[in-house]
Amino acid sequence: LSCSLNGSGTLQITLNEKDARSLA
């Protein structure tokens, strides 16, 4: 999975899901 780490200790993870509604 792709991710980014900011300076405040938060890791933003991008999921491999293309249908956002299915995750609601």
mmCIF file of all heavy atoms, coordinates in Angstrom:
data_MODEL
# 
_entry.id   MODEL 
# 
loop_
_atom_site.group_PDB 
_atom_site.id 
_atom_site.type_symbol 
_atom_site.label_atom_id 
_atom_site.label_alt_id 
_atom_site.label_comp_id 
_atom_site.label_asym_id 
_atom_site.label_entity_id 
_atom_site.label_seq_id 
_atom_site.pdbx_PDB_ins_code 
_atom_site.Cartn_x 
_atom_site.Cartn_y 
_atom_site.Cartn_z 
_atom_site.occupancy 
_atom_site.B_iso_or_equiv 
_atom_site.pdbx_formal_charge 
_atom_site.auth_seq_id 
_atom_site.auth_comp_id 
_atom_site.auth_asym_id 
_atom_site.auth_atom_id 
_atom_site.pdbx_PDB_model_num 
ATOM 1   N N   . LEU A 1 1  ? 0.846   -1.198 0.000  1.00 0.00 ? 1  LEU A N   1 
ATOM 2   C CA  . LEU A 1 1  ? 0.000   0.000  0.000  1.00 0.00 ? 1  LEU A CA  1 
ATOM 3   C C   . LEU A 1 1  ? 0.875   1.240  0.000  1.00 0.00 ? 1  LEU A C   1 
ATOM 4   O O   . LEU A 1 1  ? 1.960   1.236  0.579  1.00 0.00 ? 1  LEU A O   1 
ATOM 5   C CB  . LEU A 1 1  ? -0.909  0.022  1.228  1.00 0.00 ? 1  LEU A CB  1 
ATOM 6   C CG  . LEU A 1 1  ? -1.901  -1.129 1.362  1.00 0.00 ? 1  LEU A CG  1 
ATOM 7   C CD1 . LEU A 1 1  ? -2.698  -0.986 2.654  1.00 0.00 ? 1  LEU A CD1 1 
ATOM 8   C CD2 . LEU A 1 1  ? -2.831  -1.198 0.170  1.00 0.00 ? 1  LEU A CD2 1 
ATOM 9   N N   . SER A 1 2  ? 0.408   2.300  -0.630 1.00 0.00 ? 2  SER A N   1 
ATOM 10  C CA  . SER A 1 2  ? 1.164   3.543  -0.576 1.00 0.00 ? 2  SER A CA  1 
ATOM 11  C C   . SER A 1 2  ? 0.788   4.289  0.704  1.00 0.00 ? 2  SER A C   1 
ATOM 12  O O   . SER A 1 2  ? -0.300  4.111  1.251  1.00 0.00 ? 2  SER A O   1 
ATOM 13  C CB  . SER A 1 2  ? 0.921   4.394  -1.821 1.00 0.00 ? 2  SER A CB  1 
ATOM 14  O OG  . SER A 1 2  ? -0.421  4.779  -1.886 1.00 0.00 ? 2  SER A OG  1 
ATOM 15  N N   . CYS A 1 3  ? 1.724   5.110  1.167  1.00 0.00 ? 3  CYS A N   1 
ATOM 16  C CA  . CYS A 1 3  ? 1.495   5.833  2.413  1.00 0.00 ? 3  CYS A CA  1 
ATOM 17  C C   . CYS A 1 3  ? 2.328   7.105  2.433  1.00 0.00 ? 3  CYS A C   1 
ATOM 18  O O   . CYS A 1 3  ? 3.217   7.294  1.606  1.00 0.00 ? 3  CYS A O   1 
ATOM 19  C CB  . CYS A 1 3  ? 1.856   4.956  3.610  1.00 0.00 ? 3  CYS A CB  1 
ATOM 20  S SG  . CYS A 1 3  ? 3.627   4.621  3.755  1.00 0.00 ? 3  CYS A SG  1 
ATOM 21  N N   . SER A 1 4  ? 2.009   7.961  3.380  1.00 0.00 ? 4  SER A N   1 
ATOM 22  C CA  . SER A 1 4  ? 2.831   9.144  3.629  1.00 0.00 ? 4  SER A CA  1 
ATOM 23  C C   . SER A 1 4  ? 2.824   9.387  5.129  1.00 0.00 ? 4  SER A C   1 
ATOM 24  O O   . SER A 1 4  ? 1.839   9.125  5.817  1.00 0.00 ? 4  SER A O   1 
ATOM 25  C CB  . SER A 1 4  ? 2.308   10.363 2.862  1.00 0.00 ? 4  SER A CB  1 
ATOM 26  O OG  . SER A 1 4  ? 0.992   10.666 3.263  1.00 0.00 ? 4  SER A OG  1 
ATOM 27  N N   . LEU A 1 5  ? 3.937   9.865  5.631  1.00 0.00 ? 5  LEU A N   1 
ATOM 28  C CA  . LEU A 1 5  ? 4.121   10.106 7.062  1.00 0.00 ? 5  LEU A CA  1 
ATOM 29  C C   . LEU A 1 5  ? 4.356   11.588 7.258  1.00 0.00 ? 5  LEU A C   1 
ATOM 30  O O   . LEU A 1 5  ? 5.249   12.165 6.633  1.00 0.00 ? 5  LEU A O   1 
ATOM 31  C CB  . LEU A 1 5  ? 5.319   9.299  7.565  1.00 0.00 ? 5  LEU A CB  1 
ATOM 32  C CG  . LEU A 1 5  ? 5.654   9.364  9.040  1.00 0.00 ? 5  LEU A CG  1 
ATOM 33  C CD1 . LEU A 1 5  ? 4.504   8.799  9.879  1.00 0.00 ? 5  LEU A CD1 1 
ATOM 34  C CD2 . LEU A 1 5  ? 6.926   8.577  9.316  1.00 0.00 ? 5  LEU A CD2 1 
ATOM 35  N N   . ASN A 1 6  ? 3.531   12.220 8.107  1.00 0.00 ? 6  ASN A N   1 
ATOM 36  C CA  . ASN A 1 6  ? 3.764   13.642 8.353  1.00 0.00 ? 6  ASN A CA  1 
ATOM 37  C C   . ASN A 1 6  ? 4.551   13.828 9.647  1.00 0.00 ? 6  ASN A C   1 
ATOM 38  O O   . ASN A 1 6  ? 4.752   12.878 10.406 1.00 0.00 ? 6  ASN A O   1 
ATOM 39  C CB  . ASN A 1 6  ? 2.459   14.444 8.337  1.00 0.00 ? 6  ASN A CB  1 
ATOM 40  C CG  . ASN A 1 6  ? 1.585   14.182 9.533  1.00 0.00 ? 6  ASN A CG  1 
ATOM 41  O OD1 . ASN A 1 6  ? 2.023   13.735 10.575 1.00 0.00 ? 6  ASN A OD1 1 
ATOM 42  N ND2 . ASN A 1 6  ? 0.305   14.453 9.382  1.00 0.00 ? 6  ASN A ND2 1 
ATOM 43  N N   . GLY A 1 7  ? 4.980   15.019 9.903  1.00 0.00 ? 7  GLY A N   1 
ATOM 44  C CA  . GLY A 1 7  ? 5.838   15.307 11.044 1.00 0.00 ? 7  GLY A CA  1 
ATOM 45  C C   . GLY A 1 7  ? 5.170   15.146 12.392 1.00 0.00 ? 7  GLY A C   1 
ATOM 46  O O   . GLY A 1 7  ? 5.845   15.082 13.415 1.00 0.00 ? 7  GLY A O   1 
ATOM 47  N N   . SER A 1 8  ? 3.852   15.051 12.433 1.00 0.00 ? 8  SER A N   1 
ATOM 48  C CA  . SER A 1 8  ? 3.157   14.919 13.721 1.00 0.00 ? 8  SER A CA  1 
ATOM 49  C C   . SER A 1 8  ? 2.881   13.464 14.092 1.00 0.00 ? 8  SER A C   1 
ATOM 50  O O   . SER A 1 8  ? 2.116   13.195 15.013 1.00 0.00 ? 8  SER A O   1 
ATOM 51  C CB  . SER A 1 8  ? 1.844   15.714 13.693 1.00 0.00 ? 8  SER A CB  1 
ATOM 52  O OG  . SER A 1 8  ? 0.957   15.152 12.755 1.00 0.00 ? 8  SER A OG  1 
ATOM 53  N N   . GLY A 1 9  ? 3.483   12.538 13.379 1.00 0.00 ? 9  GLY A N   1 
ATOM 54  C CA  . GLY A 1 9  ? 3.316   11.124 13.712 1.00 0.00 ? 9  GLY A CA  1 
ATOM 55  C C   . GLY A 1 9  ? 2.057   10.496 13.171 1.00 0.00 ? 9  GLY A C   1 
ATOM 56  O O   . GLY A 1 9  ? 1.574   9.508  13.706 1.00 0.00 ? 9  GLY A O   1 
ATOM 57  N N   . THR A 1 10 ? 1.506   11.047 12.098 1.00 0.00 ? 10 THR A N   1 
ATOM 58  C CA  . THR A 1 10 ? 0.318   10.473 11.461 1.00 0.00 ? 10 THR A CA  1 
ATOM 59  C C   . THR A 1 10 ? 0.724   9.812  10.149 1.00 0.00 ? 10 THR A C   1 
ATOM 60  O O   . THR A 1 10 ? 1.378   10.426 9.319  1.00 0.00 ? 10 THR A O   1 
ATOM 61  C CB  . THR A 1 10 ? -0.741  11.557 11.186 1.00 0.00 ? 10 THR A CB  1 
ATOM 62  O OG1 . THR A 1 10 ? -1.123  12.160 12.419 1.00 0.00 ? 10 THR A OG1 1 
ATOM 63  C CG2 . THR A 1 10 ? -1.964  10.963 10.515 1.00 0.00 ? 10 THR A CG2 1 
ATOM 64  N N   . LEU A 1 11 ? 0.330   8.570  10.002 1.00 0.00 ? 11 LEU A N   1 
ATOM 65  C CA  . LEU A 1 11 ? 0.595   7.820  8.780  1.00 0.00 ? 11 LEU A CA  1 
ATOM 66  C C   . LEU A 1 11 ? -0.690  7.777  7.971  1.00 0.00 ? 11 LEU A C   1 
ATOM 67  O O   . LEU A 1 11 ? -1.727  7.314  8.452  1.00 0.00 ? 11 LEU A O   1 
ATOM 68  C CB  . LEU A 1 11 ? 1.056   6.402  9.115  1.00 0.00 ? 11 LEU A CB  1 
ATOM 69  C CG  . LEU A 1 11 ? 1.480   5.530  7.933  1.00 0.00 ? 11 LEU A CG  1 
ATOM 70  C CD1 . LEU A 1 11 ? 2.749   6.080  7.293  1.00 0.00 ? 11 LEU A CD1 1 
ATOM 71  C CD2 . LEU A 1 11 ? 1.688   4.095  8.392  1.00 0.00 ? 11 LEU A CD2 1 
ATOM 72  N N   . GLN A 1 12 ? -0.649  8.314  6.748  1.00 0.00 ? 12 GLN A N   1 
ATOM 73  C CA  . GLN A 1 12 ? -1.792  8.298  5.833  1.00 0.00 ? 12 GLN A CA  1 
ATOM 74  C C   . GLN A 1 12 ? -1.601  7.107  4.901  1.00 0.00 ? 12 GLN A C   1 
ATOM 75  O O   . GLN A 1 12 ? -0.640  7.055  4.144  1.00 0.00 ? 12 GLN A O   1 
ATOM 76  C CB  . GLN A 1 12 ? -1.854  9.597  5.034  1.00 0.00 ? 12 GLN A CB  1 
ATOM 77  C CG  . GLN A 1 12 ? -2.966  9.659  4.035  1.00 0.00 ? 12 GLN A CG  1 
ATOM 78  C CD  . GLN A 1 12 ? -4.255  10.202 4.618  1.00 0.00 ? 12 GLN A CD  1 
ATOM 79  O OE1 . GLN A 1 12 ? -4.297  10.651 5.742  1.00 0.00 ? 12 GLN A OE1 1 
ATOM 80  N NE2 . GLN A 1 12 ? -5.307  10.153 3.847  1.00 0.00 ? 12 GLN A NE2 1 
ATOM 81  N N   . ILE A 1 13 ? -2.518  6.149  4.965  1.00 0.00 ? 13 ILE A N   1 
ATOM 82  C CA  . ILE A 1 13 ? -2.432  4.927  4.172  1.00 0.00 ? 13 ILE A CA  1 
ATOM 83  C C   . ILE A 1 13 ? -3.501  4.972  3.085  1.00 0.00 ? 13 ILE A C   1 
ATOM 84  O O   . ILE A 1 13 ? -4.671  5.254  3.362  1.00 0.00 ? 13 ILE A O   1 
ATOM 85  C CB  . ILE A 1 13 ? -2.642  3.675  5.047  1.00 0.00 ? 13 ILE A CB  1 
ATOM 86  C CG1 . ILE A 1 13 ? -1.584  3.626  6.158  1.00 0.00 ? 13 ILE A CG1 1 
ATOM 87  C CG2 . ILE A 1 13 ? -2.597  2.412  4.201  1.00 0.00 ? 13 ILE A CG2 1 
ATOM 88  C CD1 . ILE A 1 13 ? -1.865  2.573  7.210  1.00 0.00 ? 13 ILE A CD1 1 
ATOM 89  N N   . THR A 1 14 ? -3.097  4.714  1.851  1.00 0.00 ? 14 THR A N   1 
ATOM 90  C CA  . THR A 1 14 ? -4.029  4.650  0.726  1.00 0.00 ? 14 THR A CA  1 
ATOM 91  C C   . THR A 1 14 ? -4.370  3.189  0.476  1.00 0.00 ? 14 THR A C   1 
ATOM 92  O O   . THR A 1 14 ? -3.483  2.377  0.222  1.00 0.00 ? 14 THR A O   1 
ATOM 93  C CB  . THR A 1 14 ? -3.395  5.273  -0.532 1.00 0.00 ? 14 THR A CB  1 
ATOM 94  O OG1 . THR A 1 14 ? -3.050  6.628  -0.243 1.00 0.00 ? 14 THR A OG1 1 
ATOM 95  C CG2 . THR A 1 14 ? -4.355  5.226  -1.709 1.00 0.00 ? 14 THR A CG2 1 
ATOM 96  N N   . LEU A 1 15 ? -5.654  2.871  0.563  1.00 0.00 ? 15 LEU A N   1 
ATOM 97  C CA  . LEU A 1 15 ? -6.097  1.491  0.361  1.00 0.00 ? 15 LEU A CA  1 
ATOM 98  C C   . LEU A 1 15 ? -6.263  1.193  -1.126 1.00 0.00 ? 15 LEU A C   1 
ATOM 99  O O   . LEU A 1 15 ? -6.445  2.101  -1.926 1.00 0.00 ? 15 LEU A O   1 
ATOM 100 C CB  . LEU A 1 15 ? -7.424  1.260  1.090  1.00 0.00 ? 15 LEU A CB  1 
ATOM 101 C CG  . LEU A 1 15 ? -7.411  1.557  2.591  1.00 0.00 ? 15 LEU A CG  1 
ATOM 102 C CD1 . LEU A 1 15 ? -8.813  1.379  3.169  1.00 0.00 ? 15 LEU A CD1 1 
ATOM 103 C CD2 . LEU A 1 15 ? -6.413  0.682  3.312  1.00 0.00 ? 15 LEU A CD2 1 
ATOM 104 N N   . ASN A 1 16 ? -6.228  -0.076 -1.471 1.00 0.00 ? 16 ASN A N   1 
ATOM 105 C CA  . ASN A 1 16 ? -6.365  -0.498 -2.873 1.00 0.00 ? 16 ASN A CA  1 
ATOM 106 C C   . ASN A 1 16 ? -7.816  -0.696 -3.269 1.00 0.00 ? 16 ASN A C   1 
ATOM 107 O O   . ASN A 1 16 ? -8.109  -1.493 -4.142 1.00 0.00 ? 16 ASN A O   1 
ATOM 108 C CB  . ASN A 1 16 ? -5.591  -1.802 -3.111 1.00 0.00 ? 16 ASN A CB  1 
ATOM 109 C CG  . ASN A 1 16 ? -4.106  -1.584 -3.093 1.00 0.00 ? 16 ASN A CG  1 
ATOM 110 O OD1 . ASN A 1 16 ? -3.628  -0.493 -3.378 1.00 0.00 ? 16 ASN A OD1 1 
ATOM 111 N ND2 . ASN A 1 16 ? -3.359  -2.610 -2.721 1.00 0.00 ? 16 ASN A ND2 1 
ATOM 112 N N   . GLU A 1 17 ? -8.720  0.019  -2.673 1.00 0.00 ? 17 GLU A N   1 
ATOM 113 C CA  . GLU A 1 17 ? -10.149 -0.108 -2.976 1.00 0.00 ? 17 GLU A CA  1 
ATOM 114 C C   . GLU A 1 17 ? -10.551 1.001  -3.932 1.00 0.00 ? 17 GLU A C   1 
ATOM 115 O O   . GLU A 1 17 ? -10.238 2.165  -3.718 1.00 0.00 ? 17 GLU A O   1 
ATOM 116 C CB  . GLU A 1 17 ? -10.957 -0.001 -1.681 1.00 0.00 ? 17 GLU A CB  1 
ATOM 117 C CG  . GLU A 1 17 ? -12.433 -0.133 -1.862 1.00 0.00 ? 17 GLU A CG  1 
ATOM 118 C CD  . GLU A 1 17 ? -12.867 -1.496 -2.377 1.00 0.00 ? 17 GLU A CD  1 
ATOM 119 O OE1 . GLU A 1 17 ? -12.384 -2.518 -1.858 1.00 0.00 ? 17 GLU A OE1 1 
ATOM 120 O OE2 . GLU A 1 17 ? -13.686 -1.531 -3.310 1.00 0.00 ? 17 GLU A OE2 1 
ATOM 121 N N   . LYS A 1 18 ? -11.243 0.662  -4.997 1.00 0.00 ? 18 LYS A N   1 
ATOM 122 C CA  . LYS A 1 18 ? -11.665 1.655  -5.997 1.00 0.00 ? 18 LYS A CA  1 
ATOM 123 C C   . LYS A 1 18 ? -13.093 2.141  -5.776 1.00 0.00 ? 18 LYS A C   1 
ATOM 124 O O   . LYS A 1 18 ? -13.492 3.164  -6.295 1.00 0.00 ? 18 LYS A O   1 
ATOM 125 C CB  . LYS A 1 18 ? -11.527 1.084  -7.411 1.00 0.00 ? 18 LYS A CB  1 
ATOM 126 C CG  . LYS A 1 18 ? -10.102 0.695  -7.759 1.00 0.00 ? 18 LYS A CG  1 
ATOM 127 C CD  . LYS A 1 18 ? -9.170  1.883  -7.656 1.00 0.00 ? 18 LYS A CD  1 
ATOM 128 C CE  . LYS A 1 18 ? -7.746  1.477  -7.941 1.00 0.00 ? 18 LYS A CE  1 
ATOM 129 N NZ  . LYS A 1 18 ? -6.783  2.378  -7.340 1.00 0.00 ? 18 LYS A NZ  1 
ATOM 130 N N   . ASP A 1 19 ? -13.892 1.386  -5.007 1.00 0.00 ? 19 ASP A N   1 
ATOM 131 C CA  . ASP A 1 19 ? -15.286 1.743  -4.767 1.00 0.00 ? 19 ASP A CA  1 
ATOM 132 C C   . ASP A 1 19 ? -15.441 2.266  -3.342 1.00 0.00 ? 19 ASP A C   1 
ATOM 133 O O   . ASP A 1 19 ? -15.599 1.490  -2.404 1.00 0.00 ? 19 ASP A O   1 
ATOM 134 C CB  . ASP A 1 19 ? -16.185 0.534  -5.009 1.00 0.00 ? 19 ASP A CB  1 
ATOM 135 C CG  . ASP A 1 19 ? -17.653 0.836  -4.767 1.00 0.00 ? 19 ASP A CG  1 
ATOM 136 O OD1 . ASP A 1 19 ? -18.022 2.031  -4.683 1.00 0.00 ? 19 ASP A OD1 1 
ATOM 137 O OD2 . ASP A 1 19 ? -18.432 -0.126 -4.662 1.00 0.00 ? 19 ASP A OD2 1 
ATOM 138 N N   . ALA A 1 20 ? -15.393 3.572  -3.182 1.00 0.00 ? 20 ALA A N   1 
ATOM 139 C CA  . ALA A 1 20 ? -15.461 4.188  -1.859 1.00 0.00 ? 20 ALA A CA  1 
ATOM 140 C C   . ALA A 1 20 ? -16.768 3.849  -1.151 1.00 0.00 ? 20 ALA A C   1 
ATOM 141 O O   . ALA A 1 20 ? -16.796 3.633  0.060  1.00 0.00 ? 20 ALA A O   1 
ATOM 142 C CB  . ALA A 1 20 ? -15.304 5.709  -1.979 1.00 0.00 ? 20 ALA A CB  1 
ATOM 143 N N   . ARG A 1 21 ? -17.859 3.786  -1.892 1.00 0.00 ? 21 ARG A N   1 
ATOM 144 C CA  . ARG A 1 21 ? -19.169 3.530  -1.287 1.00 0.00 ? 21 ARG A CA  1 
ATOM 145 C C   . ARG A 1 21 ? -19.213 2.157  -0.606 1.00 0.00 ? 21 ARG A C   1 
ATOM 146 O O   . ARG A 1 21 ? -19.865 1.983  0.422  1.00 0.00 ? 21 ARG A O   1 
ATOM 147 C CB  . ARG A 1 21 ? -20.264 3.627  -2.339 1.00 0.00 ? 21 ARG A CB  1 
ATOM 148 C CG  . ARG A 1 21 ? -21.669 3.557  -1.771 1.00 0.00 ? 21 ARG A CG  1 
ATOM 149 C CD  . ARG A 1 21 ? -22.728 3.730  -2.849 1.00 0.00 ? 21 ARG A CD  1 
ATOM 150 N NE  . ARG A 1 21 ? -22.643 4.984  -3.558 1.00 0.00 ? 21 ARG A NE  1 
ATOM 151 C CZ  . ARG A 1 21 ? -23.173 6.133  -3.151 1.00 0.00 ? 21 ARG A CZ  1 
ATOM 152 N NH1 . ARG A 1 21 ? -23.807 6.176  -2.017 1.00 0.00 ? 21 ARG A NH1 1 
ATOM 153 N NH2 . ARG A 1 21 ? -23.052 7.222  -3.875 1.00 0.00 ? 21 ARG A NH2 1 
ATOM 154 N N   . SER A 1 22 ? -18.502 1.172  -1.150 1.00 0.00 ? 22 SER A N   1 
ATOM 155 C CA  . SER A 1 22 ? -18.537 -0.178 -0.575 1.00 0.00 ? 22 SER A CA  1 
ATOM 156 C C   . SER A 1 22 ? -17.877 -0.230 0.804  1.00 0.00 ? 22 SER A C   1 
ATOM 157 O O   . SER A 1 22 ? -18.079 -1.181 1.548  1.00 0.00 ? 22 SER A O   1 
ATOM 158 C CB  . SER A 1 22 ? -17.857 -1.176 -1.515 1.00 0.00 ? 22 SER A CB  1 
ATOM 159 O OG  . SER A 1 22 ? -16.452 -0.977 -1.529 1.00 0.00 ? 22 SER A OG  1 
ATOM 160 N N   . LEU A 1 23 ? -17.103 0.794  1.142  1.00 0.00 ? 23 LEU A N   1 
ATOM 161 C CA  . LEU A 1 23 ? -16.434 0.828  2.444  1.00 0.00 ? 23 LEU A CA  1 
ATOM 162 C C   . LEU A 1 23 ? -17.223 1.593  3.503  1.00 0.00 ? 23 LEU A C   1 
ATOM 163 O O   . LEU A 1 23 ? -16.828 1.618  4.669  1.00 0.00 ? 23 LEU A O   1 
ATOM 164 C CB  . LEU A 1 23 ? -15.051 1.461  2.303  1.00 0.00 ? 23 LEU A CB  1 
ATOM 165 C CG  . LEU A 1 23 ? -14.062 0.708  1.429  1.00 0.00 ? 23 LEU A CG  1 
ATOM 166 C CD1 . LEU A 1 23 ? -12.770 1.485  1.302  1.00 0.00 ? 23 LEU A CD1 1 
ATOM 167 C CD2 . LEU A 1 23 ? -13.805 -0.679 1.977  1.00 0.00 ? 23 LEU A CD2 1 
ATOM 168 N N   . ALA A 1 24 ? -18.335 2.211  3.117  1.00 0.00 ? 24 ALA A N   1 
ATOM 169 C CA  . ALA A 1 24 ? -19.116 3.036  4.046  1.00 0.00 ? 24 ALA A CA  1 
ATOM 170 C C   . ALA A 1 24 ? -19.484 2.253  5.301  1.00 0.00 ? 24 ALA A C   1 
ATOM 171 O O   . ALA A 1 24 ? -19.972 1.123  5.222  1.00 0.00 ? 24 ALA A O   1 
ATOM 172 C CB  . ALA A 1 24 ? -20.383 3.542  3.357  1.00 0.00 ? 24 ALA A CB  1 
# 
